[in-house]
Amino acid sequence: AHGTSTPLGDMAETQAVKAVFGGIATAPPI
């Protein structure tokens, strides 16, 4: 992940990954 440890950035990237890969049951480890 880009995952910089900013409150907004990490949340937005999580939303993006879920939109593409789904939730924790289907998304790959990140």
Full PDB file with SEQRES, HELIX, SHEET, SSBOND, CRYST1, ORIGX, SCALE, CONECT and MASTER records, all heavy atoms in Angstrom:
SEQRES   1 A   30  ALA HIS GLY THR SER THR PRO LEU GLY ASP MET ALA GLU          
SEQRES   2 A   30  THR GLN ALA VAL LYS ALA VAL PHE GLY GLY ILE ALA THR          
SEQRES   3 A   30  ALA PRO PRO ILE                                              
HELIX    1 AA1 PRO A    7  PHE A   21  1                                  15    
CRYST1    1.000    1.000    1.000  90.00  90.00  90.00 P 1           1          
ORIGX1      1.000000  0.000000  0.000000        0.00000                         
ORIGX2      0.000000  1.000000  0.000000        0.00000                         
ORIGX3      0.000000  0.000000  1.000000        0.00000                         
SCALE1      1.000000  0.000000  0.000000        0.00000                         
SCALE2      0.000000  1.000000  0.000000        0.00000                         
SCALE3      0.000000  0.000000  1.000000        0.00000                         
ATOM      1  N   ALA A   1       0.820  -1.211   0.000  1.00  0.00           N  
ATOM      2  CA  ALA A   1       0.000   0.000   0.000  1.00  0.00           C  
ATOM      3  C   ALA A   1       0.852   1.258   0.000  1.00  0.00           C  
ATOM      4  O   ALA A   1       2.000   1.265   0.444  1.00  0.00           O  
ATOM      5  CB  ALA A   1      -0.905   0.005   1.229  1.00  0.00           C  
ATOM      6  N   HIS A   2       0.250   2.356  -0.449  1.00  0.00           N  
ATOM      7  CA  HIS A   2       0.888   3.656  -0.255  1.00  0.00           C  
ATOM      8  C   HIS A   2       0.975   3.915   1.246  1.00  0.00           C  
ATOM      9  O   HIS A   2       2.028   4.303   1.736  1.00  0.00           O  
ATOM     10  CB  HIS A   2       0.085   4.750  -0.963  1.00  0.00           C  
ATOM     11  CG  HIS A   2       0.723   6.088  -0.910  1.00  0.00           C  
ATOM     12  ND1 HIS A   2       1.966   6.337  -1.446  1.00  0.00           N  
ATOM     13  CD2 HIS A   2       0.300   7.263  -0.369  1.00  0.00           C  
ATOM     14  CE1 HIS A   2       2.289   7.620  -1.249  1.00  0.00           C  
ATOM     15  NE2 HIS A   2       1.291   8.192  -0.598  1.00  0.00           N  
ATOM     16  N   GLY A   3      -0.124   3.728   1.968  1.00  0.00           N  
ATOM     17  CA  GLY A   3      -0.164   3.661   3.416  1.00  0.00           C  
ATOM     18  C   GLY A   3       0.813   4.533   4.171  1.00  0.00           C  
ATOM     19  O   GLY A   3       1.708   4.024   4.839  1.00  0.00           O  
ATOM     20  N   THR A   4       0.636   5.852   4.134  1.00  0.00           N  
ATOM     21  CA  THR A   4       1.618   6.750   4.726  1.00  0.00           C  
ATOM     22  C   THR A   4       1.428   6.986   6.215  1.00  0.00           C  
ATOM     23  O   THR A   4       2.275   7.598   6.852  1.00  0.00           O  
ATOM     24  CB  THR A   4       1.593   8.122   4.027  1.00  0.00           C  
ATOM     25  OG1 THR A   4       0.291   8.687   4.179  1.00  0.00           O  
ATOM     26  CG2 THR A   4       1.958   7.999   2.571  1.00  0.00           C  
ATOM     27  N   SER A   5       0.306   6.573   6.777  1.00  0.00           N  
ATOM     28  CA  SER A   5      -0.032   6.788   8.189  1.00  0.00           C  
ATOM     29  C   SER A   5      -0.717   8.128   8.430  1.00  0.00           C  
ATOM     30  O   SER A   5      -0.704   8.644   9.534  1.00  0.00           O  
ATOM     31  CB  SER A   5       1.215   6.662   9.081  1.00  0.00           C  
ATOM     32  OG  SER A   5       0.905   6.695  10.444  1.00  0.00           O  
ATOM     33  N   THR A   6      -1.347   8.675   7.388  1.00  0.00           N  
ATOM     34  CA  THR A   6      -2.177   9.861   7.583  1.00  0.00           C  
ATOM     35  C   THR A   6      -3.623   9.421   7.784  1.00  0.00           C  
ATOM     36  O   THR A   6      -4.064   8.434   7.188  1.00  0.00           O  
ATOM     37  CB  THR A   6      -2.101  10.824   6.387  1.00  0.00           C  
ATOM     38  OG1 THR A   6      -2.557  10.155   5.206  1.00  0.00           O  
ATOM     39  CG2 THR A   6      -0.679  11.306   6.175  1.00  0.00           C  
ATOM     40  N   PRO A   7      -4.371  10.133   8.620  1.00  0.00           N  
ATOM     41  CA  PRO A   7      -5.755   9.709   8.885  1.00  0.00           C  
ATOM     42  C   PRO A   7      -6.605   9.583   7.631  1.00  0.00           C  
ATOM     43  O   PRO A   7      -7.276   8.567   7.428  1.00  0.00           O  
ATOM     44  CB  PRO A   7      -6.278  10.811   9.821  1.00  0.00           C  
ATOM     45  CG  PRO A   7      -5.054  11.288  10.541  1.00  0.00           C  
ATOM     46  CD  PRO A   7      -3.957  11.241   9.512  1.00  0.00           C  
ATOM     47  N   LEU A   8      -6.571  10.592   6.764  1.00  0.00           N  
ATOM     48  CA  LEU A   8      -7.429  10.568   5.582  1.00  0.00           C  
ATOM     49  C   LEU A   8      -6.875   9.663   4.491  1.00  0.00           C  
ATOM     50  O   LEU A   8      -7.617   8.909   3.849  1.00  0.00           O  
ATOM     51  CB  LEU A   8      -7.606  11.991   5.043  1.00  0.00           C  
ATOM     52  CG  LEU A   8      -8.554  12.157   3.841  1.00  0.00           C  
ATOM     53  CD1 LEU A   8      -9.945  11.625   4.173  1.00  0.00           C  
ATOM     54  CD2 LEU A   8      -8.642  13.623   3.431  1.00  0.00           C  
ATOM     55  N   GLY A   9      -5.578   9.696   4.277  1.00  0.00           N  
ATOM     56  CA  GLY A   9      -4.987   8.930   3.189  1.00  0.00           C  
ATOM     57  C   GLY A   9      -5.162   7.435   3.339  1.00  0.00           C  
ATOM     58  O   GLY A   9      -5.528   6.732   2.392  1.00  0.00           O  
ATOM     59  N   ASP A  10      -4.909   6.913   4.543  1.00  0.00           N  
ATOM     60  CA  ASP A  10      -5.039   5.470   4.750  1.00  0.00           C  
ATOM     61  C   ASP A  10      -6.488   5.017   4.607  1.00  0.00           C  
ATOM     62  O   ASP A  10      -6.769   3.935   4.078  1.00  0.00           O  
ATOM     63  CB  ASP A  10      -4.526   5.090   6.143  1.00  0.00           C  
ATOM     64  CG  ASP A  10      -3.010   5.203   6.253  1.00  0.00           C  
ATOM     65  OD1 ASP A  10      -2.369   5.667   5.293  1.00  0.00           O  
ATOM     66  OD2 ASP A  10      -2.473   4.838   7.311  1.00  0.00           O  
ATOM     67  N   MET A  11      -7.417   5.853   5.064  1.00  0.00           N  
ATOM     68  CA  MET A  11      -8.824   5.508   4.946  1.00  0.00           C  
ATOM     69  C   MET A  11      -9.250   5.493   3.478  1.00  0.00           C  
ATOM     70  O   MET A  11      -9.957   4.591   3.023  1.00  0.00           O  
ATOM     71  CB  MET A  11      -9.683   6.491   5.725  1.00  0.00           C  
ATOM     72  CG  MET A  11     -11.179   6.157   5.698  1.00  0.00           C  
ATOM     73  SD  MET A  11     -12.160   7.331   6.662  1.00  0.00           S  
ATOM     74  CE  MET A  11     -11.960   8.827   5.674  1.00  0.00           C  
ATOM     75  N   ALA A  12      -8.816   6.503   2.706  1.00  0.00           N  
ATOM     76  CA  ALA A  12      -9.186   6.577   1.296  1.00  0.00           C  
ATOM     77  C   ALA A  12      -8.621   5.390   0.519  1.00  0.00           C  
ATOM     78  O   ALA A  12      -9.300   4.812  -0.339  1.00  0.00           O  
ATOM     79  CB  ALA A  12      -8.685   7.887   0.697  1.00  0.00           C  
ATOM     80  N   GLU A  13      -7.372   5.002   0.825  1.00  0.00           N  
ATOM     81  CA  GLU A  13      -6.796   3.864   0.118  1.00  0.00           C  
ATOM     82  C   GLU A  13      -7.513   2.572   0.478  1.00  0.00           C  
ATOM     83  O   GLU A  13      -7.735   1.707  -0.385  1.00  0.00           O  
ATOM     84  CB  GLU A  13      -5.303   3.744   0.421  1.00  0.00           C  
ATOM     85  CG  GLU A  13      -4.618   2.689  -0.428  1.00  0.00           C  
ATOM     86  CD  GLU A  13      -3.107   2.666  -0.274  1.00  0.00           C  
ATOM     87  OE1 GLU A  13      -2.573   3.366   0.622  1.00  0.00           O  
ATOM     88  OE2 GLU A  13      -2.458   1.946  -1.049  1.00  0.00           O  
ATOM     89  N   THR A  14      -7.910   2.435   1.738  1.00  0.00           N  
ATOM     90  CA  THR A  14      -8.691   1.265   2.141  1.00  0.00           C  
ATOM     91  C   THR A  14      -9.996   1.198   1.357  1.00  0.00           C  
ATOM     92  O   THR A  14     -10.396   0.123   0.865  1.00  0.00           O  
ATOM     93  CB  THR A  14      -8.979   1.302   3.652  1.00  0.00           C  
ATOM     94  OG1 THR A  14      -7.748   1.216   4.373  1.00  0.00           O  
ATOM     95  CG2 THR A  14      -9.873   0.147   4.071  1.00  0.00           C  
ATOM     96  N   GLN A  15     -10.671   2.343   1.219  1.00  0.00           N  
ATOM     97  CA  GLN A  15     -11.913   2.380   0.444  1.00  0.00           C  
ATOM     98  C   GLN A  15     -11.662   1.972  -1.007  1.00  0.00           C  
ATOM     99  O   GLN A  15     -12.465   1.259  -1.619  1.00  0.00           O  
ATOM    100  CB  GLN A  15     -12.529   3.777   0.512  1.00  0.00           C  
ATOM    101  CG  GLN A  15     -13.007   4.196   1.893  1.00  0.00           C  
ATOM    102  CD  GLN A  15     -14.030   3.236   2.467  1.00  0.00           C  
ATOM    103  OE1 GLN A  15     -14.991   2.849   1.811  1.00  0.00           O  
ATOM    104  NE2 GLN A  15     -13.817   2.831   3.717  1.00  0.00           N  
ATOM    105  N   ALA A  16     -10.546   2.436  -1.560  1.00  0.00           N  
ATOM    106  CA  ALA A  16     -10.219   2.113  -2.953  1.00  0.00           C  
ATOM    107  C   ALA A  16      -9.980   0.615  -3.125  1.00  0.00           C  
ATOM    108  O   ALA A  16     -10.480  -0.007  -4.078  1.00  0.00           O  
ATOM    109  CB  ALA A  16      -8.992   2.905  -3.390  1.00  0.00           C  
ATOM    110  N   VAL A  17      -9.214   0.021  -2.196  1.00  0.00           N  
ATOM    111  CA  VAL A  17      -8.940  -1.412  -2.281  1.00  0.00           C  
ATOM    112  C   VAL A  17     -10.234  -2.213  -2.156  1.00  0.00           C  
ATOM    113  O   VAL A  17     -10.470  -3.176  -2.903  1.00  0.00           O  
ATOM    114  CB  VAL A  17      -7.924  -1.825  -1.192  1.00  0.00           C  
ATOM    115  CG1 VAL A  17      -7.818  -3.348  -1.106  1.00  0.00           C  
ATOM    116  CG2 VAL A  17      -6.550  -1.216  -1.488  1.00  0.00           C  
ATOM    117  N   LYS A  18     -11.110  -1.810  -1.249  1.00  0.00           N  
ATOM    118  CA  LYS A  18     -12.379  -2.518  -1.083  1.00  0.00           C  
ATOM    119  C   LYS A  18     -13.260  -2.389  -2.318  1.00  0.00           C  
ATOM    120  O   LYS A  18     -13.968  -3.333  -2.690  1.00  0.00           O  
ATOM    121  CB  LYS A  18     -13.102  -2.004   0.161  1.00  0.00           C  
ATOM    122  CG  LYS A  18     -12.407  -2.413   1.458  1.00  0.00           C  
ATOM    123  CD  LYS A  18     -12.896  -1.658   2.669  1.00  0.00           C  
ATOM    124  CE  LYS A  18     -14.293  -2.013   3.070  1.00  0.00           C  
ATOM    125  NZ  LYS A  18     -14.681  -1.376   4.345  1.00  0.00           N  
ATOM    126  N   ALA A  19     -13.206  -1.233  -2.984  1.00  0.00           N  
ATOM    127  CA  ALA A  19     -14.001  -1.042  -4.193  1.00  0.00           C  
ATOM    128  C   ALA A  19     -13.548  -1.975  -5.313  1.00  0.00           C  
ATOM    129  O   ALA A  19     -14.356  -2.431  -6.123  1.00  0.00           O  
ATOM    130  CB  ALA A  19     -13.905   0.411  -4.657  1.00  0.00           C  
ATOM    131  N   VAL A  20     -12.245  -2.267  -5.343  1.00  0.00           N  
ATOM    132  CA  VAL A  20     -11.707  -3.117  -6.405  1.00  0.00           C  
ATOM    133  C   VAL A  20     -11.722  -4.591  -6.021  1.00  0.00           C  
ATOM    134  O   VAL A  20     -12.050  -5.456  -6.839  1.00  0.00           O  
ATOM    135  CB  VAL A  20     -10.263  -2.682  -6.755  1.00  0.00           C  
ATOM    136  CG1 VAL A  20      -9.642  -3.620  -7.790  1.00  0.00           C  
ATOM    137  CG2 VAL A  20     -10.241  -1.249  -7.261  1.00  0.00           C  
ATOM    138  N   PHE A  21     -11.386  -4.893  -4.763  1.00  0.00           N  
ATOM    139  CA  PHE A  21     -11.180  -6.282  -4.347  1.00  0.00           C  
ATOM    140  C   PHE A  21     -12.248  -6.812  -3.398  1.00  0.00           C  
ATOM    141  O   PHE A  21     -12.269  -8.016  -3.116  1.00  0.00           O  
ATOM    142  CB  PHE A  21      -9.815  -6.419  -3.658  1.00  0.00           C  
ATOM    143  CG  PHE A  21      -8.641  -6.180  -4.564  1.00  0.00           C  
ATOM    144  CD1 PHE A  21      -8.103  -4.909  -4.698  1.00  0.00           C  
ATOM    145  CD2 PHE A  21      -8.073  -7.220  -5.279  1.00  0.00           C  
ATOM    146  CE1 PHE A  21      -7.011  -4.676  -5.523  1.00  0.00           C  
ATOM    147  CE2 PHE A  21      -6.986  -7.004  -6.111  1.00  0.00           C  
ATOM    148  CZ  PHE A  21      -6.455  -5.724  -6.233  1.00  0.00           C  
ATOM    149  N   GLY A  22     -13.080  -5.949  -2.850  1.00  0.00           N  
ATOM    150  CA  GLY A  22     -14.070  -6.385  -1.886  1.00  0.00           C  
ATOM    151  C   GLY A  22     -13.575  -6.241  -0.466  1.00  0.00           C  
ATOM    152  O   GLY A  22     -12.555  -5.598  -0.193  1.00  0.00           O  
ATOM    153  N   GLY A  23     -14.271  -6.822   0.484  1.00  0.00           N  
ATOM    154  CA  GLY A  23     -13.945  -6.703   1.897  1.00  0.00           C  
ATOM    155  C   GLY A  23     -12.852  -7.656   2.326  1.00  0.00           C  
ATOM    156  O   GLY A  23     -12.154  -8.263   1.501  1.00  0.00           O  
ATOM    157  N   ILE A  24     -12.719  -7.838   3.630  1.00  0.00           N  
ATOM    158  CA  ILE A  24     -11.612  -8.617   4.168  1.00  0.00           C  
ATOM    159  C   ILE A  24     -11.661 -10.073   3.724  1.00  0.00           C  
ATOM    160  O   ILE A  24     -10.628 -10.753   3.653  1.00  0.00           O  
ATOM    161  CB  ILE A  24     -11.597  -8.517   5.706  1.00  0.00           C  
ATOM    162  CG1 ILE A  24     -10.276  -9.045   6.269  1.00  0.00           C  
ATOM    163  CG2 ILE A  24     -12.788  -9.250   6.328  1.00  0.00           C  
ATOM    164  CD1 ILE A  24     -10.051  -8.708   7.719  1.00  0.00           C  
ATOM    165  N   ALA A  25     -12.826 -10.560   3.364  1.00  0.00           N  
ATOM    166  CA  ALA A  25     -12.941 -11.961   2.948  1.00  0.00           C  
ATOM    167  C   ALA A  25     -12.376 -12.197   1.555  1.00  0.00           C  
ATOM    168  O   ALA A  25     -11.968 -13.318   1.216  1.00  0.00           O  
ATOM    169  CB  ALA A  25     -14.394 -12.405   3.004  1.00  0.00           C  
ATOM    170  N   THR A  26     -12.345 -11.169   0.724  1.00  0.00           N  
ATOM    171  CA  THR A  26     -11.922 -11.353  -0.671  1.00  0.00           C  
ATOM    172  C   THR A  26     -10.696 -10.534  -1.053  1.00  0.00           C  
ATOM    173  O   THR A  26     -10.038 -10.842  -2.041  1.00  0.00           O  
ATOM    174  CB  THR A  26     -13.073 -10.988  -1.630  1.00  0.00           C  
ATOM    175  OG1 THR A  26     -13.537  -9.665  -1.326  1.00  0.00           O  
ATOM    176  CG2 THR A  26     -14.231 -11.971  -1.494  1.00  0.00           C  
ATOM    177  N   ALA A  27     -10.375  -9.483  -0.313  1.00  0.00           N  
ATOM    178  CA  ALA A  27      -9.210  -8.666  -0.640  1.00  0.00           C  
ATOM    179  C   ALA A  27      -7.933  -9.395  -0.237  1.00  0.00           C  
ATOM    180  O   ALA A  27      -7.910 -10.117   0.760  1.00  0.00           O  
ATOM    181  CB  ALA A  27      -9.286  -7.319   0.074  1.00  0.00           C  
ATOM    182  N   PRO A  28      -6.858  -9.222  -0.976  1.00  0.00           N  
ATOM    183  CA  PRO A  28      -5.596  -9.864  -0.607  1.00  0.00           C  
ATOM    184  C   PRO A  28      -4.978  -9.184   0.609  1.00  0.00           C  
ATOM    185  O   PRO A  28      -5.376  -8.073   0.982  1.00  0.00           O  
ATOM    186  CB  PRO A  28      -4.724  -9.651  -1.845  1.00  0.00           C  
ATOM    187  CG  PRO A  28      -5.246  -8.388  -2.447  1.00  0.00           C  
ATOM    188  CD  PRO A  28      -6.733  -8.408  -2.200  1.00  0.00           C  
ATOM    189  N   PRO A  29      -4.000  -9.813   1.252  1.00  0.00           N  
ATOM    190  CA  PRO A  29      -3.268  -9.135   2.328  1.00  0.00           C  
ATOM    191  C   PRO A  29      -2.646  -7.847   1.793  1.00  0.00           C  
ATOM    192  O   PRO A  29      -2.178  -7.794   0.650  1.00  0.00           O  
ATOM    193  CB  PRO A  29      -2.197 -10.146   2.726  1.00  0.00           C  
ATOM    194  CG  PRO A  29      -2.714 -11.466   2.247  1.00  0.00           C  
ATOM    195  CD  PRO A  29      -3.509 -11.173   1.013  1.00  0.00           C  
ATOM    196  N   ILE A  30      -2.636  -6.812   2.615  1.00  0.00           N  
ATOM    197  CA  ILE A  30      -2.123  -5.507   2.213  1.00  0.00           C  
ATOM    198  C   ILE A  30      -1.256  -4.966   3.352  1.00  0.00           C  
ATOM    199  O   ILE A  30      -1.666  -4.995   4.513  1.00  0.00           O  
ATOM    200  CB  ILE A  30      -3.293  -4.541   1.882  1.00  0.00           C  
ATOM    201  CG1 ILE A  30      -2.803  -3.103   1.653  1.00  0.00           C  
ATOM    202  CG2 ILE A  30      -4.365  -4.566   2.939  1.00  0.00           C  
ATOM    203  CD1 ILE A  30      -3.908  -2.162   1.157  1.00  0.00           C  
TER     204      ILE A  30                                                      
MASTER        0    0    0    1    0    0    0    6  203    1    0    3          
END                                                                             
